[in-house]
């Protein structure tokens, strides 16, 4: 084994403790309230000056998208006292140049509102300002399950 790769061990009786830093050791004049406030402003300037990233109105989080989601939250399942969005019946919402496409399901294929619910969704989404026309795609795969529900819906139904 070469000499530069050897591990050397040295035993010592004691080690001197490193000096402790103390606020009193700093030799500066006390900070005035105005200086302290200015220091805090400097700290917050970057944070307060930052603007949120612009969100396209039809993208998730945009105004138009949120208006469509709010319209969906106004539609309630007649058998379960929870709106269809929180119930997890809405799988997807896409908006492209005023054309909204909602992909949804129902709790079961034999649901009593299987014929009327998609039409109501189309009517309500189409009535949102900024949406020119709405289309509803009713799908059965994947099938709806209680795991699709939001925490708010579970709380409302006593499942939490």
Protein backbone atom coordinates (compact mmCIF):
# COMPACT_ATOMS: atom_id res chain seq x y z
CA UNK A 1 0.00 0.00 0.00
CA UNK A 2 1.39 3.42 -0.86
CA UNK A 3 2.28 5.88 1.85
CA UNK A 4 -0.18 8.58 0.73
CA UNK A 5 -3.11 6.20 1.18
CA UNK A 6 -2.37 5.23 4.78
CA UNK A 7 -4.67 6.22 7.59
CA UNK A 8 -2.86 7.76 10.53
CA UNK A 9 -4.36 7.72 13.99
CA UNK A 10 -3.38 10.19 16.68
CA UNK A 11 -4.58 9.97 20.25
CA UNK A 12 -5.12 13.18 22.24
CA UNK A 13 -5.90 13.86 25.87
CA UNK A 14 -8.21 16.85 25.34
CA UNK A 15 -9.38 19.34 22.73
CA UNK A 16 -9.88 23.06 23.27
CA UNK A 17 -13.52 24.08 22.81
CA UNK A 18 -14.14 26.47 19.90
CA UNK A 19 -15.10 30.02 20.84
CA UNK A 20 -18.82 30.74 21.04
CA UNK A 21 -20.30 33.57 19.04
CA UNK A 22 -22.12 36.16 21.11
CA UNK A 23 -24.35 39.00 19.99
CA UNK A 24 -22.54 41.31 22.41
CA UNK A 25 -19.28 40.65 20.52
CA UNK A 26 -20.59 42.51 17.44
CA UNK A 27 -19.35 46.08 17.52
CA UNK A 28 -22.15 48.01 15.85
CA UNK A 29 -24.40 50.79 16.97
CA UNK A 30 -27.90 49.70 18.03
CA UNK A 31 -30.36 49.58 15.15
CA UNK A 32 -33.07 52.23 15.17
CA UNK A 33 -36.70 51.31 14.54
CA UNK A 34 -36.56 53.03 11.14
CA UNK A 35 -33.49 51.03 10.11
CA UNK A 36 -35.10 47.81 11.29
CA UNK A 37 -38.26 48.58 9.29
CA UNK A 38 -36.20 49.38 6.18
CA UNK A 39 -34.29 46.10 6.55
CA UNK A 40 -37.60 44.21 6.70
CA UNK A 41 -38.87 46.07 3.61
CA UNK A 42 -35.72 45.12 1.69
CA UNK A 43 -36.28 41.51 2.68
CA UNK A 44 -39.88 41.53 1.44
CA UNK A 45 -39.32 43.58 -1.74
CA UNK A 46 -38.52 40.58 -3.94
CA UNK A 47 -41.38 38.56 -2.54
CA UNK A 48 -43.95 41.33 -2.90
CA UNK A 49 -42.73 42.35 -6.37
CA UNK A 50 -43.11 38.82 -7.75
CA UNK A 51 -46.24 38.47 -9.83
CA UNK A 52 -48.11 35.17 -10.17
CA UNK A 53 -47.61 33.42 -13.46
CA UNK A 54 -50.24 34.36 -15.99
CA UNK A 55 -52.85 31.64 -16.41
CA UNK A 56 -54.77 31.31 -19.65
CA UNK A 57 -58.50 31.73 -18.86
CA UNK A 58 -59.42 28.33 -20.30
CA UNK A 59 -56.54 26.49 -18.60
CA UNK A 60 -56.85 24.82 -15.21
CA UNK A 61 -56.94 27.62 -12.64
CA UNK A 62 -58.03 30.20 -15.22
CA UNK A 63 -61.16 32.31 -14.78
CA UNK A 64 -63.17 30.58 -17.50
CA UNK A 65 -62.18 27.11 -16.32
CA UNK A 66 -63.13 27.99 -12.72
CA UNK A 67 -66.46 29.42 -13.90
CA UNK A 68 -67.24 26.11 -15.65
CA UNK A 69 -66.26 24.14 -12.52
CA UNK A 70 -68.51 26.40 -10.41
CA UNK A 71 -71.38 25.76 -12.82
CA UNK A 72 -70.78 22.01 -12.42
CA UNK A 73 -70.79 22.41 -8.64
CA UNK A 74 -74.34 23.84 -8.91
CA UNK A 75 -75.65 20.52 -10.26
CA UNK A 76 -76.60 18.00 -7.58
CA UNK A 77 -77.16 14.28 -7.84
CA UNK A 78 -80.86 13.71 -7.03
CA UNK A 79 -80.15 10.64 -4.87
CA UNK A 80 -77.06 11.88 -3.06
CA UNK A 81 -77.02 15.42 -1.58
CA UNK A 82 -73.62 16.28 -3.10
CA UNK A 83 -72.79 18.19 -6.28
CA UNK A 84 -71.60 16.14 -9.25
CA UNK A 85 -68.12 17.69 -9.28
CA UNK A 86 -67.32 16.81 -5.65
CA UNK A 87 -69.03 13.46 -6.12
CA UNK A 88 -66.32 12.67 -8.69
CA UNK A 89 -68.62 12.25 -11.67
CA UNK A 90 -66.64 14.79 -13.72
CA UNK A 91 -63.51 13.19 -15.15
CA UNK A 92 -62.24 16.03 -17.33
CA UNK A 93 -63.01 19.57 -18.48
CA UNK A 94 -61.35 20.96 -21.60
CA UNK A 95 -61.99 24.41 -23.02
CA UNK A 96 -60.63 25.46 -26.41
CA UNK A 97 -61.64 28.80 -27.93
CA UNK A 98 -65.04 28.83 -26.24
CA UNK A 99 -65.81 25.16 -26.94
CA UNK A 100 -66.11 23.20 -23.68
CA UNK A 101 -65.90 19.41 -23.56
CA UNK A 102 -66.89 17.73 -20.31
CA UNK A 103 -66.11 14.05 -19.82
CA UNK A 104 -68.24 12.54 -17.10
CA UNK A 105 -69.82 9.38 -15.78
CA UNK A 106 -72.75 8.49 -13.55
CA UNK A 107 -72.78 6.45 -10.37
CA UNK A 108 -74.32 3.50 -12.27
CA UNK A 109 -75.48 2.90 -15.85
CA UNK A 110 -79.00 2.39 -14.46
CA UNK A 111 -79.03 5.79 -12.74
CA UNK A 112 -82.52 7.36 -12.97
CA UNK A 113 -81.02 10.57 -14.40
CA UNK A 114 -78.90 8.83 -17.06
CA UNK A 115 -80.81 10.59 -19.83
CA UNK A 116 -81.33 14.00 -18.23
CA UNK A 117 -78.04 14.61 -16.35
CA UNK A 118 -75.75 14.94 -19.43
CA UNK A 119 -78.24 17.36 -21.01
CA UNK A 120 -78.34 19.44 -17.81
CA UNK A 121 -74.53 19.53 -17.69
CA UNK A 122 -74.40 20.63 -21.33
CA UNK A 123 -77.00 23.33 -20.70
CA UNK A 124 -75.33 24.71 -17.55
CA UNK A 125 -71.78 24.68 -18.98
CA UNK A 126 -73.01 26.25 -22.23
CA UNK A 127 -74.60 29.08 -20.20
CA UNK A 128 -71.25 30.12 -18.66
CA UNK A 129 -70.16 33.49 -20.11
CA UNK A 130 -67.23 32.84 -22.46
CA UNK A 131 -68.36 29.36 -23.44
CA UNK A 132 -69.83 29.30 -26.92
CA UNK A 133 -70.96 25.70 -26.95
CA UNK A 134 -70.63 22.68 -24.69
CA UNK A 135 -70.33 19.00 -25.37
CA UNK A 136 -70.72 16.18 -22.85
CA UNK A 137 -69.05 12.81 -23.28
CA UNK A 138 -70.65 10.20 -21.04
CA UNK A 139 -68.22 7.35 -20.32
CA UNK A 140 -68.44 4.18 -18.25
CA UNK A 141 -64.75 3.31 -18.18
CA UNK A 142 -63.33 3.78 -15.63
CA UNK A 143 -66.47 3.11 -13.61
CA UNK A 144 -67.34 5.53 -10.82
CA UNK A 145 -66.42 4.51 -7.27
CA UNK A 146 -66.64 6.25 -3.88
CA UNK A 147 -62.86 6.83 -4.05
CA UNK A 148 -63.56 9.47 -6.73
CA UNK A 149 -65.30 11.72 -4.19
CA UNK A 150 -63.59 14.81 -2.81
CA UNK A 151 -62.93 15.12 0.91
CA UNK A 152 -65.75 17.69 1.09
CA UNK A 153 -68.21 15.14 -0.31
CA UNK A 154 -67.02 12.44 2.07
CA UNK A 155 -67.41 14.82 4.99
CA UNK A 156 -70.91 15.78 3.85
CA UNK A 157 -71.89 12.10 3.65
CA UNK A 158 -70.26 11.20 6.98
CA UNK A 159 -67.60 9.03 5.36
CA UNK A 160 -64.61 10.81 6.95
